[in-house]
Structures are given as C-alpha cells and as structure tokens.
Amino acid sequence: MPDTQATPEPAEAEDRVLISGRVRESVRRRMKLYSAGHDVSLQDLIDAALDEYLAKRGA
C-alpha cells in the first residue's frame, strides 16, 4: 500500500544550529524507518516535522 503522506523536502539553504533533546525510543525507531523508507535524512525529517508543528501553531 503506497504512503499517501508527502516526503519532507530539504529546507532552503540556511545555516543549521545544534539543539539537544530526547525522544522516546519508539519515536526514534519510527523516524529511522520512515527516513530509510523515504530516502530522506533524519536531519531533514526532524527539521520538516518541527517546521510543520510550529507553522500549524502560528510560530
């Protein structure tokens, strides 16, 4: 069954900064599986997910 969700696209060329945080082991596993299955880096996946989350909340 094909995935109907859009694959995160790399953000515009912009300097990246290091942040630190912890996620549940199950979330990390899902991130890695999605990343590998959709040929997207974990970095781009995290960036897209946080950007979408913040945009939906007007930030």
N, C-alpha and C. Protein backbone atom coordinates (compact mmCIF):
# COMPACT_ATOMS: atom_id res chain seq x y z
N MET A 1 0.86 -1.18 0.00
CA MET A 1 0.00 0.00 0.00
C MET A 1 0.90 1.23 0.00
N PRO A 2 0.73 2.16 -0.96
CA PRO A 2 1.58 3.34 -1.04
C PRO A 2 1.30 4.31 0.09
N ASP A 3 2.35 5.02 0.48
CA ASP A 3 2.25 6.04 1.52
C ASP A 3 1.64 7.30 0.90
N THR A 4 0.61 7.83 1.52
CA THR A 4 -0.06 9.00 0.96
C THR A 4 0.45 10.30 1.53
N GLN A 5 1.35 10.23 2.52
CA GLN A 5 1.90 11.45 3.11
C GLN A 5 3.08 11.92 2.29
N ALA A 6 3.21 13.23 2.21
CA ALA A 6 4.31 13.81 1.45
C ALA A 6 5.64 13.57 2.15
N THR A 7 6.67 13.36 1.36
CA THR A 7 8.01 13.21 1.88
C THR A 7 8.57 14.59 2.18
N PRO A 8 9.16 14.79 3.36
CA PRO A 8 9.72 16.09 3.69
C PRO A 8 10.79 16.50 2.69
N GLU A 9 10.75 17.74 2.27
CA GLU A 9 11.75 18.25 1.35
C GLU A 9 12.79 19.03 2.12
N PRO A 10 14.03 19.03 1.64
CA PRO A 10 15.07 19.78 2.34
C PRO A 10 14.71 21.26 2.46
N ALA A 11 15.03 21.84 3.61
CA ALA A 11 14.77 23.25 3.82
C ALA A 11 15.67 24.09 2.92
N GLU A 12 15.28 25.33 2.74
CA GLU A 12 16.11 26.24 1.96
C GLU A 12 17.50 26.28 2.56
N ALA A 13 18.46 26.69 1.74
CA ALA A 13 19.83 26.79 2.23
C ALA A 13 19.89 27.80 3.37
N GLU A 14 20.13 27.31 4.54
CA GLU A 14 20.18 28.14 5.74
C GLU A 14 21.10 27.45 6.72
N ASP A 15 21.88 28.21 7.45
CA ASP A 15 22.78 27.62 8.44
C ASP A 15 21.97 26.81 9.44
N ARG A 16 22.54 25.71 9.87
CA ARG A 16 21.90 24.87 10.87
C ARG A 16 22.61 25.07 12.20
N VAL A 17 21.86 24.93 13.27
CA VAL A 17 22.42 25.04 14.61
C VAL A 17 22.12 23.75 15.37
N LEU A 18 22.95 23.46 16.33
CA LEU A 18 22.78 22.25 17.11
C LEU A 18 21.79 22.48 18.23
N ILE A 19 20.82 21.57 18.37
CA ILE A 19 19.91 21.58 19.50
C ILE A 19 20.01 20.21 20.16
N SER A 20 19.51 20.11 21.34
CA SER A 20 19.58 18.83 22.04
C SER A 20 18.22 18.51 22.65
N GLY A 21 17.85 17.28 22.59
CA GLY A 21 16.60 16.86 23.20
C GLY A 21 16.51 15.35 23.14
N ARG A 22 15.58 14.82 23.86
CA ARG A 22 15.39 13.37 23.89
C ARG A 22 13.99 13.03 23.40
N VAL A 23 13.91 11.90 22.71
CA VAL A 23 12.62 11.38 22.27
C VAL A 23 12.50 9.94 22.77
N ARG A 24 11.28 9.46 22.80
CA ARG A 24 11.06 8.06 23.19
C ARG A 24 11.74 7.14 22.17
N GLU A 25 12.17 5.99 22.65
CA GLU A 25 12.83 5.02 21.78
C GLU A 25 11.93 4.62 20.61
N SER A 26 10.63 4.49 20.87
CA SER A 26 9.70 4.10 19.80
C SER A 26 9.61 5.18 18.72
N VAL A 27 9.69 6.44 19.12
CA VAL A 27 9.65 7.54 18.15
C VAL A 27 10.91 7.51 17.30
N ARG A 28 12.05 7.30 17.94
CA ARG A 28 13.32 7.23 17.20
C ARG A 28 13.27 6.10 16.17
N ARG A 29 12.74 4.95 16.57
CA ARG A 29 12.64 3.81 15.66
C ARG A 29 11.77 4.16 14.46
N ARG A 30 10.62 4.80 14.72
CA ARG A 30 9.72 5.21 13.63
C ARG A 30 10.39 6.22 12.71
N MET A 31 11.13 7.16 13.30
CA MET A 31 11.85 8.16 12.50
C MET A 31 12.85 7.48 11.57
N LYS A 32 13.61 6.54 12.11
CA LYS A 32 14.62 5.86 11.31
C LYS A 32 13.99 5.03 10.20
N LEU A 33 12.89 4.34 10.50
CA LEU A 33 12.22 3.55 9.47
C LEU A 33 11.65 4.44 8.37
N TYR A 34 11.01 5.54 8.77
CA TYR A 34 10.46 6.47 7.77
C TYR A 34 11.58 7.06 6.92
N SER A 35 12.63 7.49 7.58
CA SER A 35 13.76 8.10 6.90
C SER A 35 14.36 7.16 5.85
N ALA A 36 14.60 5.92 6.26
CA ALA A 36 15.18 4.94 5.33
C ALA A 36 14.22 4.59 4.20
N GLY A 37 12.96 4.46 4.52
CA GLY A 37 11.97 4.07 3.52
C GLY A 37 11.60 5.15 2.53
N HIS A 38 11.89 6.41 2.88
CA HIS A 38 11.53 7.51 2.01
C HIS A 38 12.74 8.30 1.51
N ASP A 39 13.92 7.75 1.71
CA ASP A 39 15.16 8.34 1.22
C ASP A 39 15.30 9.81 1.63
N VAL A 40 15.10 10.05 2.92
CA VAL A 40 15.24 11.40 3.47
C VAL A 40 16.11 11.28 4.72
N SER A 41 16.97 12.26 4.93
CA SER A 41 17.85 12.18 6.09
C SER A 41 17.07 12.44 7.37
N LEU A 42 17.56 11.90 8.47
CA LEU A 42 16.93 12.18 9.76
C LEU A 42 16.92 13.68 10.03
N GLN A 43 17.99 14.36 9.66
CA GLN A 43 18.08 15.80 9.86
C GLN A 43 16.94 16.52 9.15
N ASP A 44 16.73 16.19 7.88
CA ASP A 44 15.65 16.84 7.12
C ASP A 44 14.28 16.45 7.66
N LEU A 45 14.13 15.21 8.11
CA LEU A 45 12.86 14.77 8.69
C LEU A 45 12.53 15.57 9.95
N ILE A 46 13.50 15.69 10.84
CA ILE A 46 13.30 16.44 12.09
C ILE A 46 13.00 17.90 11.78
N ASP A 47 13.76 18.49 10.87
CA ASP A 47 13.58 19.90 10.51
C ASP A 47 12.17 20.13 9.95
N ALA A 48 11.73 19.25 9.04
CA ALA A 48 10.40 19.39 8.43
C ALA A 48 9.30 19.20 9.47
N ALA A 49 9.48 18.21 10.35
CA ALA A 49 8.45 17.94 11.36
C ALA A 49 8.29 19.12 12.32
N LEU A 50 9.40 19.65 12.79
CA LEU A 50 9.33 20.80 13.71
C LEU A 50 8.78 22.04 13.01
N ASP A 51 9.18 22.24 11.75
CA ASP A 51 8.69 23.40 11.00
C ASP A 51 7.18 23.31 10.82
N GLU A 52 6.69 22.11 10.46
CA GLU A 52 5.24 21.92 10.28
C GLU A 52 4.50 22.13 11.60
N TYR A 53 5.02 21.57 12.67
CA TYR A 53 4.41 21.71 14.00
C TYR A 53 4.29 23.18 14.38
N LEU A 54 5.36 23.91 14.22
CA LEU A 54 5.36 25.33 14.60
C LEU A 54 4.47 26.17 13.68
N ALA A 55 4.49 25.87 12.39
CA ALA A 55 3.65 26.62 11.45
C ALA A 55 2.17 26.45 11.77
N LYS A 56 1.76 25.24 12.15
CA LYS A 56 0.36 24.98 12.48
C LYS A 56 -0.07 25.75 13.72
N ARG A 57 0.90 26.14 14.54
CA ARG A 57 0.60 26.86 15.78
C ARG A 57 0.93 28.35 15.67
N GLY A 58 1.17 28.80 14.46
CA GLY A 58 1.41 30.23 14.22
C GLY A 58 2.73 30.75 14.72
N ALA A 59 3.69 29.86 14.88
CA ALA A 59 5.02 30.29 15.38
C ALA A 59 6.02 30.33 14.25
